[in-house]
Structure formats: C-alpha cells, structure tokens
Amino acid sequence: MDQEKLLSDFLTFFTTVDPVGTLAIFVGLTITLSEKDRKEVAWKAILYSTGILVAFIALGQIALGSLGIELASFELAGGIIFFLFGLQMVFGSSATDAKAKPEEGHGIAVFPLAVPSIASPGSILAAVVLTDNRDHKFWEQVAITGLLLLVLGITLLVLLQASRVFALLGKAGTNLVVRVMGLILASVAVEMIIEALVEILPTLNAA
C-alpha cells in the first residue's frame, strides 16, 4: 500500500469517527460528572465503539455476501451517505450536535457516544468498504485496521483532555474544524462514488 492510500484511508476514518464532533457531545453530556467519572465514560465509549467497528471489519463483508449485496453497490451507497454526511458537517447539521441527549435507560458511554457518534453509520461503512477483501490482502487489511485503531486512540486522547481541548478551541473553533473535516469527507465520498460507478456501469451495459 502506498502512502497516499494510507493517508486517504486515515482521513476517511478521521472524518467519519470525527473526534472533534464527538468532543462537543462528550463535554455537553459529562459536564456534571467528576473528572474520574468522565475518564471512565471516555474509556468505555472507545472500547464499545472499537468492538463494533472491528466486528464490522471482520464480518461485515461476509454478512453482505450472505444477503447477496455486491460490495460495489455498498460502496456506492456508502459514498452517497459519506457525501451527505460531509454536507451536514459543512452546513452545521451533523449528528455531532452537542445538544444530543442520552437515550433513557442507557449509559451515555453506549448512547450517544459509542453509537452513533464514534461508531457512526459513516465509520461503519468506512470500516467495511476500506477493507474490501477483493482489493486488499490480509496484511493490508490489518494495516487499515491499525489506522482505525490509531484514529480511535486519538479520539480517546481528545476525550481524556476534553476540558482543556474544548477551552482551547472554543465553540467557534470546534465548529470550524468540524466543517473542514466535512469538506474533506465530501471529497473522499466523490472518489468512492466514481470508483463504484466504474465497476458497476460495465455490468449494466453487459446486461
């Protein structure tokens, strides 16, 4: 794998996991907790979301195959969703709204932090699409999984330093970074859509 591909995959994971947007939710939901409890919530959220995303890397493509869904079709759908998600981030209406509230009866580490903030639909799609068995050997998939774990590690560090980071960026700075990440995600999504169409269109013409 070349460095350009690794960088593209890293940015895709970074924008879909969205550590900065998750920080906004985290601060809003844990503002009344002690520092110790806040760190415990951060660790649990990362562990839960890591389990979910790694499970999709390992089993997601098998599940799609059992349903008769071609990965190119999933990649096209993923690209469209990534693009819409990126637009939402750019225009300030993404799921990273700091006003998100925990679902009654569930710990905030599970909802909304692990799901749908960190293990978001976008990051789940990225985990499946970027580790495509047709295009990547086992060790390449391991490397891509390592990139995901790196992004999750960065997210954990951001959450553990939530008070300092949020004070440094402020609301305006956080919103700016989220919008820049949204623009990058939209650009990556366009590339995914083009790649999927290149694979799908010849089969349609043949039919």
N, C-alpha and C. Protein backbone atom coordinates (compact mmCIF):
# COMPACT_ATOMS: atom_id res chain seq x y z
N MET A 1 0.84 -1.20 0.00
CA MET A 1 0.00 0.00 0.00
C MET A 1 0.88 1.26 0.00
N ASP A 2 0.54 2.22 -0.87
CA ASP A 2 1.34 3.44 -0.91
C ASP A 2 0.89 4.41 0.16
N GLN A 3 1.72 5.42 0.39
CA GLN A 3 1.45 6.39 1.45
C GLN A 3 0.19 7.21 1.16
N GLU A 4 -0.05 7.49 -0.12
CA GLU A 4 -1.23 8.27 -0.49
C GLU A 4 -2.52 7.54 -0.10
N LYS A 5 -2.54 6.23 -0.34
CA LYS A 5 -3.71 5.42 0.02
C LYS A 5 -3.88 5.37 1.53
N LEU A 6 -2.79 5.20 2.25
CA LEU A 6 -2.86 5.16 3.71
C LEU A 6 -3.37 6.49 4.26
N LEU A 7 -2.89 7.59 3.69
CA LEU A 7 -3.33 8.91 4.15
C LEU A 7 -4.81 9.11 3.86
N SER A 8 -5.26 8.67 2.67
CA SER A 8 -6.68 8.80 2.31
C SER A 8 -7.56 8.00 3.26
N ASP A 9 -7.13 6.76 3.57
CA ASP A 9 -7.90 5.92 4.49
C ASP A 9 -7.93 6.53 5.89
N PHE A 10 -6.79 7.06 6.32
CA PHE A 10 -6.73 7.68 7.64
C PHE A 10 -7.69 8.87 7.71
N LEU A 11 -7.69 9.71 6.69
CA LEU A 11 -8.58 10.87 6.68
C LEU A 11 -10.05 10.45 6.64
N THR A 12 -10.33 9.37 5.92
CA THR A 12 -11.71 8.88 5.89
C THR A 12 -12.16 8.44 7.27
N PHE A 13 -11.32 7.67 7.96
CA PHE A 13 -11.66 7.26 9.32
C PHE A 13 -11.75 8.47 10.26
N PHE A 14 -10.82 9.41 10.08
CA PHE A 14 -10.80 10.56 10.98
C PHE A 14 -12.06 11.40 10.82
N THR A 15 -12.51 11.58 9.59
CA THR A 15 -13.69 12.41 9.37
C THR A 15 -14.98 11.70 9.76
N THR A 16 -15.03 10.39 9.61
CA THR A 16 -16.26 9.67 9.96
C THR A 16 -16.36 9.41 11.46
N VAL A 17 -15.24 9.10 12.10
CA VAL A 17 -15.25 8.97 13.56
C VAL A 17 -15.43 10.34 14.20
N ASP A 18 -14.79 11.34 13.61
CA ASP A 18 -14.96 12.75 13.99
C ASP A 18 -14.66 13.00 15.47
N PRO A 19 -13.38 12.94 15.87
CA PRO A 19 -13.03 13.18 17.27
C PRO A 19 -13.49 14.54 17.79
N VAL A 20 -13.42 15.57 16.94
CA VAL A 20 -13.79 16.91 17.39
C VAL A 20 -15.30 17.00 17.65
N GLY A 21 -16.09 16.46 16.73
CA GLY A 21 -17.53 16.46 16.93
C GLY A 21 -17.93 15.63 18.14
N THR A 22 -17.24 14.50 18.33
CA THR A 22 -17.50 13.66 19.49
C THR A 22 -17.16 14.41 20.78
N LEU A 23 -16.10 15.22 20.72
CA LEU A 23 -15.71 16.03 21.87
C LEU A 23 -16.84 16.96 22.30
N ALA A 24 -17.50 17.58 21.32
CA ALA A 24 -18.59 18.51 21.63
C ALA A 24 -19.72 17.79 22.36
N ILE A 25 -20.05 16.59 21.90
CA ILE A 25 -21.09 15.80 22.56
C ILE A 25 -20.63 15.39 23.95
N PHE A 26 -19.38 14.93 24.04
CA PHE A 26 -18.83 14.43 25.30
C PHE A 26 -18.86 15.50 26.38
N VAL A 27 -18.41 16.69 26.03
CA VAL A 27 -18.37 17.77 27.01
C VAL A 27 -19.77 18.12 27.49
N GLY A 28 -20.72 18.18 26.55
CA GLY A 28 -22.08 18.52 26.92
C GLY A 28 -22.75 17.50 27.83
N LEU A 29 -22.42 16.21 27.60
CA LEU A 29 -23.07 15.15 28.36
C LEU A 29 -22.40 14.86 29.70
N THR A 30 -21.12 15.21 29.83
CA THR A 30 -20.38 14.84 31.04
C THR A 30 -20.01 16.04 31.89
N ILE A 31 -20.60 17.18 31.59
CA ILE A 31 -20.20 18.41 32.28
C ILE A 31 -20.47 18.35 33.79
N THR A 32 -21.46 17.54 34.21
CA THR A 32 -21.79 17.44 35.64
C THR A 32 -21.03 16.31 36.33
N LEU A 33 -20.24 15.53 35.58
CA LEU A 33 -19.53 14.39 36.16
C LEU A 33 -18.19 14.83 36.74
N SER A 34 -17.68 14.03 37.66
CA SER A 34 -16.34 14.27 38.19
C SER A 34 -15.32 13.91 37.12
N GLU A 35 -14.08 14.36 37.31
CA GLU A 35 -13.03 14.05 36.35
C GLU A 35 -12.82 12.54 36.23
N LYS A 36 -12.89 11.83 37.34
CA LYS A 36 -12.72 10.38 37.33
C LYS A 36 -13.83 9.71 36.53
N ASP A 37 -15.08 10.11 36.77
CA ASP A 37 -16.20 9.51 36.04
C ASP A 37 -16.15 9.86 34.57
N ARG A 38 -15.69 11.06 34.25
CA ARG A 38 -15.59 11.49 32.85
C ARG A 38 -14.58 10.61 32.11
N LYS A 39 -13.46 10.31 32.74
CA LYS A 39 -12.46 9.45 32.11
C LYS A 39 -13.00 8.03 31.93
N GLU A 40 -13.76 7.55 32.91
CA GLU A 40 -14.34 6.21 32.81
C GLU A 40 -15.31 6.13 31.63
N VAL A 41 -16.12 7.16 31.46
CA VAL A 41 -17.06 7.21 30.33
C VAL A 41 -16.29 7.21 29.01
N ALA A 42 -15.19 7.98 28.94
CA ALA A 42 -14.39 8.06 27.72
C ALA A 42 -13.83 6.68 27.34
N TRP A 43 -13.26 5.99 28.31
CA TRP A 43 -12.69 4.66 28.05
C TRP A 43 -13.76 3.68 27.60
N LYS A 44 -14.90 3.67 28.26
CA LYS A 44 -15.97 2.75 27.89
C LYS A 44 -16.49 3.03 26.48
N ALA A 45 -16.66 4.31 26.15
CA ALA A 45 -17.17 4.67 24.82
C ALA A 45 -16.22 4.19 23.73
N ILE A 46 -14.91 4.36 23.96
CA ILE A 46 -13.94 3.92 22.96
C ILE A 46 -13.90 2.40 22.85
N LEU A 47 -13.97 1.70 23.97
CA LEU A 47 -13.95 0.23 23.94
C LEU A 47 -15.18 -0.32 23.22
N TYR A 48 -16.34 0.22 23.53
CA TYR A 48 -17.56 -0.24 22.86
C TYR A 48 -17.49 0.00 21.36
N SER A 49 -17.12 1.22 20.97
CA SER A 49 -17.09 1.55 19.55
C SER A 49 -16.01 0.77 18.81
N THR A 50 -14.87 0.50 19.48
CA THR A 50 -13.83 -0.31 18.86
C THR A 50 -14.34 -1.71 18.57
N GLY A 51 -15.03 -2.31 19.54
CA GLY A 51 -15.59 -3.64 19.33
C GLY A 51 -16.55 -3.68 18.16
N ILE A 52 -17.39 -2.67 18.06
CA ILE A 52 -18.38 -2.63 16.97
C ILE A 52 -17.69 -2.50 15.62
N LEU A 53 -16.74 -1.58 15.50
CA LEU A 53 -16.09 -1.32 14.22
C LEU A 53 -15.21 -2.50 13.78
N VAL A 54 -14.48 -3.08 14.71
CA VAL A 54 -13.64 -4.24 14.36
C VAL A 54 -14.51 -5.42 13.96
N ALA A 55 -15.65 -5.60 14.60
CA ALA A 55 -16.58 -6.66 14.23
C ALA A 55 -17.07 -6.48 12.80
N PHE A 56 -17.34 -5.24 12.41
CA PHE A 56 -17.77 -4.98 11.03
C PHE A 56 -16.64 -5.22 10.04
N ILE A 57 -15.40 -4.93 10.44
CA ILE A 57 -14.27 -5.23 9.55
C ILE A 57 -14.17 -6.74 9.33
N ALA A 58 -14.34 -7.50 10.41
CA ALA A 58 -14.18 -8.95 10.33
C ALA A 58 -15.36 -9.64 9.65
N LEU A 59 -16.57 -9.17 9.91
CA LEU A 59 -17.77 -9.91 9.48
C LEU A 59 -18.67 -9.15 8.53
N GLY A 60 -18.44 -7.85 8.37
CA GLY A 60 -19.36 -7.05 7.58
C GLY A 60 -19.49 -7.51 6.15
N GLN A 61 -18.37 -7.82 5.50
CA GLN A 61 -18.42 -8.24 4.10
C GLN A 61 -19.06 -9.61 3.95
N ILE A 62 -18.85 -10.49 4.94
CA ILE A 62 -19.49 -11.80 4.92
C ILE A 62 -21.00 -11.65 5.02
N ALA A 63 -21.44 -10.76 5.90
CA ALA A 63 -22.87 -10.51 6.05
C ALA A 63 -23.47 -9.97 4.77
N LEU A 64 -22.76 -9.07 4.10
CA LEU A 64 -23.25 -8.54 2.83
C LEU A 64 -23.36 -9.64 1.79
N GLY A 65 -22.35 -10.52 1.75
CA GLY A 65 -22.37 -11.62 0.79
C GLY A 65 -23.55 -12.55 1.01
N SER A 66 -23.84 -12.83 2.28
CA SER A 66 -24.96 -13.72 2.58
C SER A 66 -26.30 -13.11 2.18
N LEU A 67 -26.34 -11.79 2.12
CA LEU A 67 -27.56 -11.09 1.69
C LEU A 67 -27.59 -10.86 0.19
N GLY A 68 -26.52 -11.26 -0.51
CA GLY A 68 -26.47 -11.09 -1.96
C GLY A 68 -26.20 -9.66 -2.40
N ILE A 69 -25.57 -8.87 -1.53
CA ILE A 69 -25.29 -7.47 -1.86
C ILE A 69 -23.84 -7.35 -2.32
N GLU A 70 -23.65 -6.86 -3.54
CA GLU A 70 -22.31 -6.64 -4.06
C GLU A 70 -21.63 -5.50 -3.31
N LEU A 71 -20.33 -5.66 -3.07
CA LEU A 71 -19.62 -4.63 -2.32
C LEU A 71 -19.57 -3.31 -3.08
N ALA A 72 -19.55 -3.39 -4.42
CA ALA A 72 -19.57 -2.16 -5.22
C ALA A 72 -20.85 -1.37 -4.96
N SER A 73 -21.97 -2.07 -4.82
CA SER A 73 -23.23 -1.40 -4.52
C SER A 73 -23.18 -0.77 -3.13
N PHE A 74 -22.59 -1.50 -2.19
CA PHE A 74 -22.46 -0.98 -0.84
C PHE A 74 -21.53 0.23 -0.82
N GLU A 75 -20.47 0.15 -1.65
CA GLU A 75 -19.53 1.26 -1.73
C GLU A 75 -20.20 2.50 -2.32
N LEU A 76 -21.05 2.29 -3.33
CA LEU A 76 -21.78 3.42 -3.93
C LEU A 76 -22.71 4.05 -2.90
N ALA A 77 -23.48 3.19 -2.20
CA ALA A 77 -24.37 3.70 -1.16
C ALA A 77 -23.57 4.41 -0.07
N GLY A 78 -22.43 3.81 0.28
CA GLY A 78 -21.58 4.43 1.30
C GLY A 78 -21.05 5.77 0.86
N GLY A 79 -20.65 5.87 -0.41
CA GLY A 79 -20.16 7.14 -0.93
C GLY A 79 -21.22 8.22 -0.88
N ILE A 80 -22.45 7.86 -1.23
CA ILE A 80 -23.55 8.83 -1.19
C ILE A 80 -23.81 9.28 0.24
N ILE A 81 -23.81 8.31 1.18
CA ILE A 81 -24.03 8.65 2.58
C ILE A 81 -22.89 9.51 3.12
N PHE A 82 -21.64 9.13 2.76
CA PHE A 82 -20.49 9.94 3.17
C PHE A 82 -20.64 11.38 2.69
N PHE A 83 -21.08 11.51 1.41
CA PHE A 83 -21.21 12.84 0.82
C PHE A 83 -22.26 13.66 1.58
N LEU A 84 -23.41 13.03 1.85
CA LEU A 84 -24.48 13.73 2.57
C LEU A 84 -24.03 14.07 4.00
N PHE A 85 -23.31 13.12 4.62
CA PHE A 85 -22.81 13.34 5.97
C PHE A 85 -21.81 14.50 5.98
N GLY A 86 -20.95 14.53 4.94
CA GLY A 86 -20.00 15.62 4.83
C GLY A 86 -20.69 16.97 4.66
N LEU A 87 -21.76 16.99 3.84
CA LEU A 87 -22.52 18.23 3.66
C LEU A 87 -23.15 18.67 4.98
N GLN A 88 -23.66 17.71 5.74
CA GLN A 88 -24.25 18.04 7.04
C GLN A 88 -23.21 18.66 7.96
N MET A 89 -21.99 18.11 7.93
CA MET A 89 -20.93 18.66 8.77
C MET A 89 -20.57 20.08 8.32
N VAL A 90 -20.50 20.29 7.00
CA VAL A 90 -20.14 21.61 6.47
C VAL A 90 -21.18 22.66 6.84
N PHE A 91 -22.46 22.28 6.74
CA PHE A 91 -23.53 23.25 6.97
C PHE A 91 -24.04 23.22 8.41
N GLY A 92 -23.35 22.44 9.27
CA GLY A 92 -23.63 22.53 10.70
C GLY A 92 -24.84 21.79 11.18
N SER A 93 -25.26 20.72 10.48
CA SER A 93 -26.45 19.97 10.93
C SER A 93 -26.14 18.49 11.09
N SER A 94 -24.87 18.17 11.43
CA SER A 94 -24.49 16.77 11.57
C SER A 94 -24.97 16.20 12.88
N ALA A 95 -24.76 14.89 13.02
CA ALA A 95 -25.17 14.20 14.24
C ALA A 95 -24.28 14.53 15.41
N THR A 96 -23.30 15.44 15.20
CA THR A 96 -22.38 15.79 16.27
C THR A 96 -22.89 16.97 17.08
N ASP A 97 -24.16 17.23 17.03
CA ASP A 97 -24.74 18.35 17.77
C ASP A 97 -24.51 18.14 19.26
N ALA A 98 -23.94 19.12 19.90
CA ALA A 98 -23.61 18.99 21.34
C ALA A 98 -24.84 18.90 22.21
N LYS A 99 -26.02 19.13 21.64
CA LYS A 99 -27.23 19.05 22.43
C LYS A 99 -27.81 17.64 22.48
N ALA A 100 -27.11 16.68 21.86
CA ALA A 100 -27.61 15.31 21.85
C ALA A 100 -27.79 14.81 23.27
N LYS A 101 -28.85 14.08 23.50
CA LYS A 101 -29.17 13.60 24.84
C LYS A 101 -29.10 12.08 24.88
N PRO A 102 -28.69 11.50 26.01
CA PRO A 102 -28.62 10.06 26.11
C PRO A 102 -30.01 9.44 26.12
N GLU A 103 -30.12 8.27 25.49
CA GLU A 103 -31.38 7.56 25.48
C GLU A 103 -31.68 7.07 26.89
N GLU A 104 -32.91 7.22 27.32
CA GLU A 104 -33.29 6.84 28.67
C GLU A 104 -33.05 5.35 28.89
N GLY A 105 -32.43 5.00 30.02
CA GLY A 105 -32.16 3.61 30.35
C GLY A 105 -30.84 3.10 29.83
N HIS A 106 -30.08 3.94 29.11
CA HIS A 106 -28.79 3.52 28.57
C HIS A 106 -27.71 4.45 29.08
N GLY A 107 -26.51 3.88 29.32
CA GLY A 107 -25.40 4.70 29.73
C GLY A 107 -24.95 5.59 28.59
N ILE A 108 -24.48 6.79 28.92
CA ILE A 108 -24.06 7.70 27.86
C ILE A 108 -22.83 7.20 27.13
N ALA A 109 -22.05 6.29 27.73
CA ALA A 109 -20.90 5.73 27.03
C ALA A 109 -21.35 4.90 25.83
N VAL A 110 -22.54 4.27 25.95
CA VAL A 110 -23.08 3.47 24.86
C VAL A 110 -23.81 4.35 23.87
N PHE A 111 -24.74 5.14 24.36
CA PHE A 111 -25.52 6.04 23.51
C PHE A 111 -25.60 7.40 24.18
N PRO A 112 -25.23 8.48 23.53
CA PRO A 112 -24.90 8.57 22.09
C PRO A 112 -23.40 8.59 21.78
N LEU A 113 -22.53 8.23 22.74
CA LEU A 113 -21.10 8.36 22.46
C LEU A 113 -20.57 7.24 21.56
N ALA A 114 -20.68 5.98 22.02
CA ALA A 114 -20.19 4.88 21.18
C ALA A 114 -21.00 4.80 19.90
N VAL A 115 -22.32 4.81 20.04
CA VAL A 115 -23.25 4.79 18.90
C VAL A 115 -24.27 5.87 19.13
N PRO A 116 -24.49 6.78 18.20
CA PRO A 116 -23.96 6.80 16.83
C PRO A 116 -22.85 7.82 16.62
N SER A 117 -22.18 8.30 17.67
CA SER A 117 -21.17 9.34 17.47
C SER A 117 -19.86 8.77 16.95
N ILE A 118 -19.26 7.82 17.67
CA ILE A 118 -17.96 7.27 17.25
C ILE A 118 -18.17 6.15 16.22
N ALA A 119 -18.88 5.11 16.60
CA ALA A 119 -19.25 4.07 15.64
C ALA A 119 -20.49 4.53 14.89
N SER A 120 -20.29 5.55 14.06
CA SER A 120 -21.38 6.16 13.31
C SER A 120 -21.68 5.33 12.06
N PRO A 121 -22.81 5.58 11.41
CA PRO A 121 -23.06 4.90 10.13
C PRO A 121 -21.91 5.12 9.15
N GLY A 122 -21.35 6.34 9.15
CA GLY A 122 -20.24 6.62 8.25
C GLY A 122 -19.00 5.82 8.55
N SER A 123 -18.63 5.72 9.84
CA SER A 123 -17.42 4.99 10.19
C SER A 123 -17.61 3.48 10.00
N ILE A 124 -18.83 2.99 10.21
CA ILE A 124 -19.11 1.56 9.96
C ILE A 124 -18.97 1.26 8.48
N LEU A 125 -19.54 2.12 7.63
CA LEU A 125 -19.40 1.94 6.19
C LEU A 125 -17.94 2.00 5.77
N ALA A 126 -17.19 2.94 6.34
CA ALA A 126 -15.77 3.06 6.01
C ALA A 126 -15.02 1.79 6.39
N ALA A 127 -15.32 1.23 7.56
CA ALA A 127 -14.64 0.03 8.02
C ALA A 127 -14.85 -1.13 7.05
N VAL A 128 -16.04 -1.25 6.51
CA VAL A 128 -16.34 -2.34 5.57
C VAL A 128 -15.73 -2.08 4.21
N VAL A 129 -15.95 -0.88 3.69
CA VAL A 129 -15.52 -0.57 2.32
C VAL A 129 -14.00 -0.51 2.19
N LEU A 130 -13.32 0.07 3.15
CA LEU A 130 -11.87 0.26 3.05
C LEU A 130 -11.09 -1.03 3.26
N THR A 131 -11.73 -2.08 3.77
CA THR A 131 -11.06 -3.37 3.96
C THR A 131 -11.62 -4.42 2.99
N ASP A 132 -12.03 -3.97 1.82
CA ASP A 132 -12.60 -4.83 0.78
C ASP A 132 -11.68 -6.03 0.53
N ASN A 133 -12.23 -7.24 0.72
CA ASN A 133 -11.44 -8.46 0.54
C ASN A 133 -10.94 -8.63 -0.89
N ARG A 134 -11.65 -8.04 -1.86
CA ARG A 134 -11.25 -8.21 -3.26
C ARG A 134 -10.00 -7.42 -3.59
N ASP A 135 -9.79 -6.32 -2.91
CA ASP A 135 -8.70 -5.41 -3.26
C ASP A 135 -7.54 -5.44 -2.28
N HIS A 136 -7.73 -6.02 -1.10
CA HIS A 136 -6.69 -5.95 -0.08
C HIS A 136 -6.36 -7.33 0.47
N LYS A 137 -5.08 -7.59 0.57
CA LYS A 137 -4.63 -8.81 1.20
C LYS A 137 -4.80 -8.69 2.71
N PHE A 138 -4.62 -9.83 3.39
CA PHE A 138 -4.86 -9.87 4.84
C PHE A 138 -4.03 -8.82 5.56
N TRP A 139 -2.73 -8.73 5.24
CA TRP A 139 -1.87 -7.81 5.96
C TRP A 139 -2.19 -6.35 5.64
N GLU A 140 -2.71 -6.10 4.44
CA GLU A 140 -3.17 -4.75 4.11
C GLU A 140 -4.41 -4.39 4.94
N GLN A 141 -5.29 -5.37 5.13
CA GLN A 141 -6.46 -5.15 5.97
C GLN A 141 -6.05 -4.90 7.41
N VAL A 142 -5.02 -5.60 7.86
CA VAL A 142 -4.50 -5.38 9.21
C VAL A 142 -3.97 -3.95 9.34
N ALA A 143 -3.26 -3.48 8.29
CA ALA A 143 -2.72 -2.12 8.32
C ALA A 143 -3.85 -1.09 8.37
N ILE A 144 -4.90 -1.32 7.59
CA ILE A 144 -6.03 -0.39 7.58
C ILE A 144 -6.75 -0.41 8.93
N THR A 145 -6.86 -1.60 9.51
CA THR A 145 -7.44 -1.70 10.85
C THR A 145 -6.59 -0.94 11.85
N GLY A 146 -5.26 -0.99 11.66
CA GLY A 146 -4.37 -0.22 12.51
C GLY A 146 -4.62 1.28 12.41
N LEU A 147 -4.95 1.75 11.20
CA LEU A 147 -5.28 3.17 11.02
C LEU A 147 -6.54 3.53 11.80
N LEU A 148 -7.53 2.63 11.75
CA LEU A 148 -8.76 2.85 12.50
C LEU A 148 -8.47 2.93 14.00
N LEU A 149 -7.65 2.00 14.48
CA LEU A 149 -7.31 1.99 15.91
C LEU A 149 -6.54 3.25 16.29
N LEU A 150 -5.71 3.75 15.35
CA LEU A 150 -4.98 4.99 15.60
C LEU A 150 -5.95 6.16 15.77
N VAL A 151 -6.95 6.22 14.89
CA VAL A 151 -7.95 7.29 14.99
C VAL A 151 -8.74 7.17 16.29
N LEU A 152 -9.08 5.95 16.66
CA LEU A 152 -9.80 5.75 17.92
C LEU A 152 -8.92 6.13 19.11
N GLY A 153 -7.62 5.86 19.00
CA GLY A 153 -6.70 6.27 20.05
C GLY A 153 -6.63 7.79 20.17
N ILE A 154 -6.61 8.47 19.02
CA ILE A 154 -6.61 9.93 19.03
C ILE A 154 -7.90 10.45 19.66
N THR A 155 -9.01 9.79 19.32
CA THR A 155 -10.30 10.19 19.89
C THR A 155 -10.29 10.04 21.40
N LEU A 156 -9.72 8.94 21.88
CA LEU A 156 -9.63 8.72 23.33
C LEU A 156 -8.80 9.82 23.99
N LEU A 157 -7.67 10.16 23.40
CA LEU A 157 -6.83 11.21 23.96
C LEU A 157 -7.56 12.55 24.01
N VAL A 158 -8.31 12.84 22.94
CA VAL A 158 -9.08 14.08 22.91
C VAL A 158 -10.12 14.09 24.02
N LEU A 159 -10.82 12.96 24.21
CA LEU A 159 -11.86 12.90 25.24
C LEU A 159 -11.25 13.00 26.64
N LEU A 160 -10.09 12.37 26.83
CA LEU A 160 -9.46 12.43 28.16
C LEU A 160 -8.98 13.84 28.49
N GLN A 161 -8.74 14.64 27.45
CA GLN A 161 -8.32 16.03 27.65
C GLN A 161 -9.46 16.98 27.28
N ALA A 162 -10.69 16.51 27.45
CA ALA A 162 -11.86 17.24 26.96
C ALA A 162 -11.93 18.67 27.47
N SER A 163 -11.74 18.84 28.75
CA SER A 163 -11.87 20.18 29.32
C SER A 163 -10.86 21.15 28.72
N ARG A 164 -9.61 20.71 28.60
CA ARG A 164 -8.57 21.58 28.06
C ARG A 164 -8.77 21.86 26.58
N VAL A 165 -9.08 20.80 25.82
CA VAL A 165 -9.23 20.95 24.38
C VAL A 165 -10.40 21.85 24.04
N PHE A 166 -11.52 21.64 24.72
CA PHE A 166 -12.72 22.44 24.43
C PHE A 166 -12.49 23.90 24.81
N ALA A 167 -11.77 24.12 25.91
CA ALA A 167 -11.48 25.50 26.30
C ALA A 167 -10.54 26.17 25.30
N LEU A 168 -9.62 25.39 24.74
CA LEU A 168 -8.67 25.92 23.76
C LEU A 168 -9.36 26.28 22.44
N LEU A 169 -10.17 25.35 21.94
CA LEU A 169 -10.84 25.57 20.66
C LEU A 169 -12.01 26.54 20.78
N GLY A 170 -12.75 26.39 21.86
CA GLY A 170 -13.96 27.18 22.00
C GLY A 170 -15.03 26.67 21.04
N LYS A 171 -16.23 27.18 21.17
CA LYS A 171 -17.32 26.74 20.31
C LYS A 171 -17.05 27.07 18.85
N ALA A 172 -16.54 28.26 18.58
CA ALA A 172 -16.28 28.67 17.20
C ALA A 172 -15.18 27.81 16.57
N GLY A 173 -14.12 27.53 17.32
CA GLY A 173 -13.03 26.71 16.80
C GLY A 173 -13.47 25.29 16.53
N THR A 174 -14.28 24.73 17.43
CA THR A 174 -14.80 23.38 17.23
C THR A 174 -15.65 23.31 15.97
N ASN A 175 -16.54 24.28 15.79
CA ASN A 175 -17.40 24.30 14.61
C ASN A 175 -16.58 24.42 13.33
N LEU A 176 -15.51 25.22 13.36
CA LEU A 176 -14.66 25.40 12.18
C LEU A 176 -13.99 24.09 11.80
N VAL A 177 -13.41 23.39 12.78
CA VAL A 177 -12.72 22.12 12.50
C VAL A 177 -13.69 21.09 11.96
N VAL A 178 -14.89 21.01 12.52
CA VAL A 178 -15.89 20.05 12.05
C VAL A 178 -16.24 20.33 10.60
N ARG A 179 -16.36 21.59 10.21
CA ARG A 179 -16.72 21.94 8.83
C ARG A 179 -15.59 21.60 7.85
N VAL A 180 -14.36 21.81 8.27
CA VAL A 180 -13.22 21.44 7.41
C VAL A 180 -13.19 19.93 7.20
N MET A 181 -13.42 19.17 8.28
CA MET A 181 -13.46 17.71 8.16
C MET A 181 -14.61 17.26 7.26
N GLY A 182 -15.71 17.99 7.31
CA GLY A 182 -16.85 17.67 6.44
C GLY A 182 -16.51 17.86 4.98
N LEU A 183 -15.77 18.91 4.67
CA LEU A 183 -15.36 19.17 3.29
C LEU A 183 -14.44 18.06 2.78
N ILE A 184 -13.52 17.63 3.64
CA ILE A 184 -12.61 16.53 3.27
C ILE A 184 -13.41 15.25 3.04
N LEU A 185 -14.37 14.97 3.92
CA LEU A 185 -15.17 13.76 3.78
C LEU A 185 -15.97 13.78 2.49
N ALA A 186 -16.55 14.92 2.13
CA ALA A 186 -17.31 15.03 0.89
C ALA A 186 -16.41 14.75 -0.32
N SER A 187 -15.18 15.22 -0.27
CA SER A 187 -14.25 14.99 -1.38
C SER A 187 -13.90 13.50 -1.50
N VAL A 188 -13.64 12.86 -0.36
CA VAL A 188 -13.36 11.42 -0.37
C VAL A 188 -14.57 10.65 -0.88
N ALA A 189 -15.77 11.09 -0.52
CA ALA A 189 -17.00 10.43 -0.95
C ALA A 189 -17.15 10.46 -2.46
N VAL A 190 -16.81 11.58 -3.09
CA VAL A 190 -16.90 11.69 -4.54
C VAL A 190 -15.99 10.65 -5.20
N GLU A 191 -14.78 10.48 -4.66
CA GLU A 191 -13.87 9.48 -5.19
C GLU A 191 -14.46 8.07 -5.06
N MET A 192 -15.09 7.78 -3.93
CA MET A 192 -15.71 6.47 -3.72
C MET A 192 -16.83 6.23 -4.71
N ILE A 193 -17.65 7.24 -4.96
CA ILE A 193 -18.76 7.11 -5.89
C ILE A 193 -18.25 6.83 -7.30
N ILE A 194 -17.22 7.56 -7.70
CA ILE A 194 -16.65 7.36 -9.04
C ILE A 194 -16.11 5.95 -9.19
N GLU A 195 -15.36 5.47 -8.17
CA GLU A 195 -14.79 4.12 -8.22
C GLU A 195 -15.89 3.06 -8.30
N ALA A 196 -16.96 3.24 -7.54
CA ALA A 196 -18.06 2.28 -7.56
C ALA A 196 -18.76 2.27 -8.92
N LEU A 197 -18.97 3.45 -9.49
CA LEU A 197 -19.65 3.53 -10.79
C LEU A 197 -18.81 2.91 -11.90
N VAL A 198 -17.49 3.08 -11.82
CA VAL A 198 -16.60 2.46 -12.80
C VAL A 198 -16.76 0.95 -12.80
N GLU A 199 -17.01 0.38 -11.62
CA GLU A 199 -17.19 -1.08 -11.51
C GLU A 199 -18.60 -1.53 -11.87
N ILE A 200 -19.58 -0.71 -11.56
CA ILE A 200 -20.97 -1.11 -11.77
C ILE A 200 -21.44 -0.92 -13.20
N LEU A 201 -21.07 0.18 -13.83
CA LEU A 201 -21.58 0.53 -15.15
C LEU A 201 -21.28 -0.53 -16.23
N PRO A 202 -20.08 -1.11 -16.27
CA PRO A 202 -19.84 -2.15 -17.28
C PRO A 202 -20.77 -3.35 -17.15
N THR A 203 -21.13 -3.72 -15.91
CA THR A 203 -22.03 -4.85 -15.71
C THR A 203 -23.44 -4.51 -16.19
N LEU A 204 -23.83 -3.24 -16.03
CA LEU A 204 -25.15 -2.84 -16.52
C LEU A 204 -25.20 -2.83 -18.04
N ASN A 205 -24.12 -2.39 -18.67
CA ASN A 205 -24.07 -2.37 -20.14
C ASN A 205 -24.08 -3.78 -20.70
N ALA A 206 -23.40 -4.70 -19.96
CA ALA A 206 -23.37 -6.09 -20.42
C ALA A 206 -24.73 -6.74 -20.33
N ALA A 207 -25.51 -6.32 -19.31
CA ALA A 207 -26.86 -6.87 -19.14
C ALA A 207 -27.80 -6.33 -20.21
